[in-house]
Protein backbone atom coordinates (compact mmCIF):
# COMPACT_ATOMS: atom_id res chain seq x y z
CA MET A 1 15.48 27.42 26.61
CA ARG A 2 16.45 23.91 27.68
CA TYR A 3 17.40 20.74 25.79
CA GLU A 4 19.62 22.66 23.39
CA HIS A 5 21.24 19.44 22.09
CA VAL A 6 17.82 17.96 21.35
CA LEU A 7 16.71 21.08 19.48
CA GLN A 8 19.87 20.99 17.39
CA ALA A 9 19.27 17.33 16.56
CA VAL A 10 15.69 17.96 15.45
CA PHE A 11 15.83 21.40 13.81
CA GLY A 12 18.19 21.93 10.91
CA SER A 13 19.34 18.29 10.75
CA PRO A 14 18.18 16.10 7.85
CA TRP A 15 15.54 13.47 8.64
CA ALA A 16 14.25 10.68 6.44
CA ILE A 17 10.79 10.49 7.95
CA LYS A 18 7.16 11.07 7.05
CA PRO A 19 6.56 14.86 7.15
CA GLU A 20 3.56 14.61 9.49
CA MET A 21 5.59 12.57 11.98
CA TYR A 22 8.45 15.05 11.74
CA ALA A 23 6.01 17.88 12.47
CA LEU A 24 4.77 16.04 15.56
CA ILE A 25 8.30 15.41 16.80
CA CYS A 26 9.16 19.09 16.29
CA GLU A 27 6.08 20.12 18.23
CA ILE A 28 6.77 17.76 21.14
CA VAL A 29 10.44 18.73 21.38
CA ARG A 30 9.60 22.44 21.13
CA ASP A 31 6.98 22.16 23.89
CA ARG A 32 9.37 20.16 26.06
CA ALA A 33 12.12 22.75 25.62
CA MET A 34 9.69 25.50 26.66
CA GLY A 35 8.85 23.64 29.86
CA ASP A 36 5.78 21.59 28.96
CA ARG A 37 6.11 18.00 30.16
CA LEU A 38 3.96 15.37 28.50
CA THR A 39 3.48 12.02 30.15
CA ALA A 40 4.53 8.84 28.36
CA GLU A 41 0.86 8.12 27.72
CA GLU A 42 0.32 11.57 26.17
CA ILE A 43 3.34 11.12 23.90
CA THR A 44 1.99 7.71 22.92
CA GLN A 45 -1.36 9.24 21.98
CA ARG A 46 0.25 11.98 19.89
CA ILE A 47 2.92 9.94 18.13
CA GLY A 48 1.03 6.66 18.02
CA ALA A 49 4.23 4.64 17.85
CA ALA A 50 5.01 3.92 21.45
CA ARG A 51 3.37 0.57 22.00
CA VAL A 52 5.44 -1.97 23.85
CA ARG A 53 8.25 -3.27 21.66
CA SER A 54 9.99 -6.55 22.14
CA GLY A 55 13.50 -7.48 21.17
CA ALA A 56 14.60 -10.10 18.68
CA ALA A 57 12.44 -13.22 18.66
CA ARG A 58 12.94 -16.76 17.43
CA ASN A 59 10.36 -18.64 15.41
CA GLY A 60 12.00 -21.99 15.00
CA SER A 61 15.10 -21.33 12.94
CA ILE A 62 13.86 -17.87 11.87
CA ALA A 63 15.05 -14.74 13.68
CA VAL A 64 12.51 -11.91 13.70
CA LEU A 65 14.08 -8.51 14.38
CA PRO A 66 11.77 -5.55 15.18
CA LEU A 67 12.50 -2.29 13.38
CA HIS A 68 9.80 -0.21 15.03
CA GLY A 69 8.95 3.41 15.73
CA VAL A 70 11.19 6.42 15.14
CA LEU A 71 14.71 5.39 14.11
CA ALA A 72 17.74 7.22 15.47
CA PRO A 73 21.31 6.52 16.55
CA ARG A 74 21.48 5.75 20.26
CA MET A 75 17.98 7.22 20.69
CA ASN A 76 19.40 10.11 22.72
CA MET A 77 15.99 11.78 22.47
CA ALA A 78 14.21 8.89 24.21
CA HIS A 79 12.89 11.33 26.81
CA ALA A 80 11.07 13.19 24.03
CA ILE A 81 10.39 10.49 21.47
CA SER A 82 8.87 7.23 22.64
CA GLY A 83 8.77 3.79 21.14
CA GLY A 84 11.72 4.08 18.79
CA THR A 85 14.61 1.86 17.72
CA SER A 86 18.29 2.48 18.29
CA LEU A 87 20.15 1.76 15.06
CA GLU A 88 23.19 0.54 17.02
CA VAL A 89 21.11 -1.93 19.02
CA PHE A 90 19.35 -3.15 15.90
CA GLY A 91 22.65 -3.53 14.07
CA ALA A 92 24.05 -5.63 16.92
CA MET A 93 20.95 -7.86 16.88
CA PHE A 94 21.27 -8.29 13.12
CA ARG A 95 24.95 -9.23 13.23
CA GLN A 96 24.29 -11.69 16.06
CA ALA A 97 21.50 -13.36 14.09
CA MET A 98 23.68 -13.61 10.99
CA ALA A 99 26.51 -15.21 12.99
CA ASP A 100 24.26 -17.71 14.77
CA PRO A 101 24.51 -21.11 13.00
CA GLN A 102 21.10 -22.08 14.43
CA ILE A 103 19.43 -19.24 12.52
CA ALA A 104 18.48 -20.19 8.96
CA ALA A 105 16.91 -16.88 7.91
CA VAL A 106 16.36 -13.36 9.24
CA VAL A 107 13.11 -11.39 9.00
CA LEU A 108 13.08 -7.64 9.54
CA ASP A 109 9.70 -6.80 11.09
CA VAL A 110 9.34 -3.18 9.93
CA ASP A 111 6.79 -0.80 11.39
CA SER A 112 8.28 2.67 11.28
CA PRO A 113 7.67 6.16 9.85
CA GLY A 114 11.43 6.61 9.46
CA GLY A 115 13.74 8.79 11.50
CA SER A 116 17.12 10.47 11.51
CA VAL A 117 19.39 9.88 8.51
CA PHE A 118 22.40 9.45 10.78
CA GLY A 119 23.56 5.85 10.92
CA VAL A 120 21.16 4.65 8.22
CA PRO A 121 23.71 4.28 5.36
CA GLU A 122 26.03 2.29 7.63
CA LEU A 123 23.30 -0.09 8.79
CA TRP A 124 22.01 -0.41 5.21
CA ASP A 125 25.47 -1.52 4.10
CA ASP A 126 25.68 -4.12 6.91
CA ILE A 127 22.36 -5.63 5.78
CA PHE A 128 23.22 -5.46 2.08
CA GLN A 129 26.61 -7.13 2.58
CA ALA A 130 24.83 -10.05 4.28
CA ARG A 131 23.08 -11.01 1.04
CA GLY A 132 23.91 -14.55 0.06
CA VAL A 133 24.98 -15.57 3.56
CA LYS A 134 21.44 -16.52 4.59
CA PRO A 135 18.01 -15.23 3.50
CA VAL A 136 17.17 -11.76 4.81
CA VAL A 137 13.58 -10.61 4.22
CA ALA A 138 12.05 -7.26 5.20
CA VAL A 139 8.32 -7.18 5.90
CA SER A 140 6.43 -3.88 5.92
CA ASN A 141 4.18 -4.65 8.87
CA PRO A 142 2.44 -2.37 8.15
CA MET A 143 4.62 0.73 7.63
CA ALA A 144 8.04 1.03 6.03
CA ALA A 145 8.43 4.73 5.37
CA SER A 146 11.45 6.85 4.56
CA ALA A 147 14.50 5.67 6.58
CA ALA A 148 12.66 2.42 7.35
CA TYR A 149 12.10 1.74 3.63
CA TRP A 150 15.70 2.81 2.96
CA LEU A 151 16.87 0.01 5.29
CA ALA A 152 14.31 -2.48 3.94
CA THR A 153 15.76 -2.17 0.43
CA ALA A 154 19.03 -3.69 1.68
CA ALA A 155 17.26 -7.00 2.25
CA GLU A 156 17.17 -9.66 -0.47
CA GLU A 157 13.38 -9.50 -0.53
CA ILE A 158 10.72 -6.99 0.57
CA VAL A 159 7.27 -8.20 1.54
CA ALA A 160 4.32 -5.85 2.06
CA SER A 161 1.53 -6.86 4.38
CA PRO A 162 -1.89 -6.41 2.71
CA SER A 163 -2.55 -3.11 4.55
CA ALA A 164 1.03 -1.85 4.25
CA GLU A 165 2.13 1.69 3.49
CA LEU A 166 5.60 2.13 2.02
CA GLY A 167 7.88 4.68 0.45
CA SER A 168 8.29 8.33 1.46
CA VAL A 169 11.64 8.38 -0.34
CA GLY A 170 12.77 11.85 0.65
CA VAL A 171 14.64 13.93 3.21
CA ILE A 172 13.31 16.83 5.26
CA ALA A 173 14.71 19.46 7.63
CA ALA A 174 13.19 22.40 9.47
CA HIS A 175 14.51 25.70 10.77
CA GLU A 176 12.84 27.37 13.72
CA ASP A 177 13.28 31.11 14.22
CA ILE A 178 12.44 32.05 17.81
CA SER A 179 13.67 35.66 17.60
CA SER A 180 10.16 37.16 17.46
CA SER A 181 9.03 35.06 20.41
CA GLN A 182 12.05 36.15 22.43
CA ALA A 183 11.48 39.80 21.51
CA LYS A 184 7.95 39.63 22.89
CA GLN A 185 9.39 38.32 26.15
CA GLY A 186 12.03 41.04 26.23
CA ILE A 187 14.83 38.56 25.59
CA THR A 188 17.77 39.11 23.26
CA THR A 189 20.25 36.32 22.59
CA THR A 190 23.74 37.28 21.45
CA LEU A 191 25.98 34.56 20.07
CA VAL A 192 29.71 34.94 20.64
CA MET A 193 31.62 32.64 18.32
CA ALA A 194 34.72 31.94 16.27
CA GLY A 195 34.45 30.69 12.70
CA ARG A 196 32.26 32.44 10.12
CA ARG A 197 29.88 29.53 9.66
CA LYS A 198 29.80 28.39 13.29
CA ALA A 199 26.27 29.70 13.98
CA LEU A 200 24.92 29.30 10.46
CA GLY A 201 21.19 28.56 10.63
CA ASN A 202 20.88 29.29 14.36
CA GLN A 203 17.39 29.66 15.83
CA TYR A 204 17.91 33.16 17.22
CA GLU A 205 17.60 34.93 13.86
CA PRO A 206 15.69 34.52 10.59
CA LEU A 207 17.13 32.01 8.15
CA THR A 208 19.63 33.68 5.84
CA ASP A 209 20.09 32.72 2.20
CA GLU A 210 23.47 31.21 3.01
CA ALA A 211 22.03 29.15 5.87
CA ARG A 212 19.13 27.98 3.70
CA ALA A 213 21.56 26.90 0.98
CA ASP A 214 23.66 25.05 3.57
CA ILE A 215 20.67 23.10 4.91
CA GLN A 216 19.38 22.43 1.38
CA GLY A 217 22.79 21.11 0.37
CA LYS A 218 22.76 18.59 3.22
CA VAL A 219 19.19 17.56 2.45
CA ASP A 220 20.09 17.04 -1.22
CA ALA A 221 23.20 15.05 -0.36
CA TYR A 222 21.32 12.66 1.92
CA TYR A 223 18.52 12.37 -0.61
CA ALA A 224 21.06 11.31 -3.24
CA MET A 225 22.43 8.68 -0.84
CA PHE A 226 18.87 7.49 -0.15
CA VAL A 227 17.98 7.23 -3.84
CA ASP A 228 21.23 5.48 -4.80
CA ALA A 229 20.80 2.92 -2.01
CA VAL A 230 17.20 2.15 -3.00
CA ALA A 231 18.22 1.84 -6.64
CA ARG A 232 21.07 -0.52 -5.80
CA GLY A 233 18.96 -2.58 -3.44
CA ARG A 234 16.07 -2.94 -5.87
CA GLY A 235 18.22 -3.31 -8.98
CA VAL A 236 16.83 -0.26 -10.79
CA ARG A 237 18.16 3.09 -11.99
CA PRO A 238 18.27 6.10 -9.63
CA ALA A 239 16.07 7.92 -12.14
CA ASP A 240 13.42 5.22 -11.68
CA VAL A 241 13.40 5.86 -7.94
CA ARG A 242 13.25 9.64 -8.31
CA SER A 243 10.43 9.62 -10.86
CA GLY A 244 8.53 6.67 -9.38
CA TYR A 245 8.42 4.92 -6.03
CA GLY A 246 5.78 7.38 -4.81
CA GLU A 247 7.87 10.46 -5.65
CA GLY A 248 8.40 11.25 -1.98
CA GLY A 249 4.98 10.08 -0.84
CA THR A 250 3.84 6.70 0.42
CA VAL A 251 1.87 4.09 -1.51
CA LEU A 252 -0.19 1.09 -0.46
CA ALA A 253 0.83 -2.53 -0.87
CA GLN A 254 -0.63 -3.31 -4.29
CA GLU A 255 0.64 -0.06 -5.80
CA ALA A 256 4.07 -0.75 -4.30
CA LEU A 257 4.03 -4.18 -5.94
CA LYS A 258 3.10 -2.64 -9.28
CA LEU A 259 5.91 -0.07 -8.99
CA GLY A 260 8.49 -2.73 -8.10
CA MET A 261 9.01 -1.36 -4.61
CA VAL A 262 8.25 -4.78 -3.08
CA ASP A 263 8.47 -8.37 -4.25
CA THR A 264 5.23 -9.80 -2.91
CA VAL A 265 2.24 -9.13 -0.67
CA ALA A 266 1.87 -11.36 2.40
CA THR A 267 1.58 -11.16 6.16
CA LEU A 268 4.49 -11.42 8.56
CA GLN A 269 3.34 -14.86 9.73
CA GLN A 270 2.91 -16.12 6.16
CA THR A 271 6.46 -14.97 5.43
CA ILE A 272 7.82 -16.72 8.52
CA ASP A 273 5.93 -19.91 7.63
CA ARG A 274 7.30 -19.80 4.08
CA LEU A 275 10.87 -19.32 5.24
CA SER A 276 10.45 -22.01 7.91
CA GLY A 277 9.29 -24.43 5.24
CA THR A 278 12.22 -23.54 3.02
CA SER A 279 14.75 -23.96 5.82
CA SER A 280 13.14 -27.24 6.87
CA ALA A 281 13.34 -28.48 3.29
CA ARG A 282 17.00 -27.49 3.20
CA ARG A 283 17.68 -29.40 6.41
CA ARG A 284 15.83 -32.46 5.10
CA GLY A 285 17.81 -32.24 1.87
CA ALA A 286 21.09 -31.96 3.76
CA VAL A 287 20.20 -34.96 5.94
CA ALA A 288 19.22 -37.00 2.89
CA MET A 289 22.43 -36.07 1.09
CA GLU A 290 24.54 -36.98 4.13
CA ALA A 291 22.73 -40.33 4.39
CA GLU A 292 23.38 -41.04 0.71
CA LEU A 293 27.08 -40.16 1.08
CA SER A 294 27.35 -42.40 4.15
CA ALA A 295 25.74 -45.26 2.23
CA ARG A 296 28.19 -44.77 -0.64
CA ARG A 297 31.14 -44.78 1.74
CA ARG A 298 29.91 -48.04 3.33
CA ARG A 299 29.50 -49.67 -0.10
CA LEU A 300 33.03 -48.62 -1.02
CA LEU A 301 34.44 -50.08 2.18
CA LEU A 302 32.63 -53.37 1.57
CA SER A 303 33.66 -53.66 -2.07
């Protein structure tokens, strides 16, 4: 077995991602660990999220930041998962855009099935704390699922494109028991360890009740963090998120609007145009106010 660190990151760790995408990632990583090597094109065909991604873009005074593909810290699994976004890189782009005086507003261009939970609460807090500094709008273009929706709720406003799919508020983890497969190959793995819980939930034996409870506890804890963040970001009660908001599934744009998961339905370009008009109006207002103040100062000097 190769890629042990990748297997540990995928199996047993909590993910905030659409279940079908998680199943695909598990399959690809499992096959890769067993020696099968898919080409980048084959991974693209199977995951469907590996189209060419660009970095931050400027549209006048609007910064458009892509939050695309599978989300993970540092994307250490880039050799197995294609087309994703590093949360650290995205966070740096976001902070740079917020600090740039030439940027009037920031748009998060979201097209993601979600990803690892690691790093999401920290990035969510960075985005949430930026409220009031300058407009930050998340656009589901077209998918904002699980960890991607989690991050979108930190923005001041969420826009759903007409064909958008949003939600999947939930956390998932898998355990893979390879002991039967090894037995058929005449292989026995013996773990030598210190610390009673060190190998809890390992892949070389069936999942024990204690290991299941340990994984479930982590899943529940991250789910609570997810729900509380969505509730805070959307200004609702956690109970409203748990009992509504798709109840772990995704919903389409109009249903999301009805449930209060988004603020409006519009395309990415319509959102950029609206924000550009608003920022232009602000600039015109500031120029007019400065001109009026200058005129007043001149009148005072002449009087």
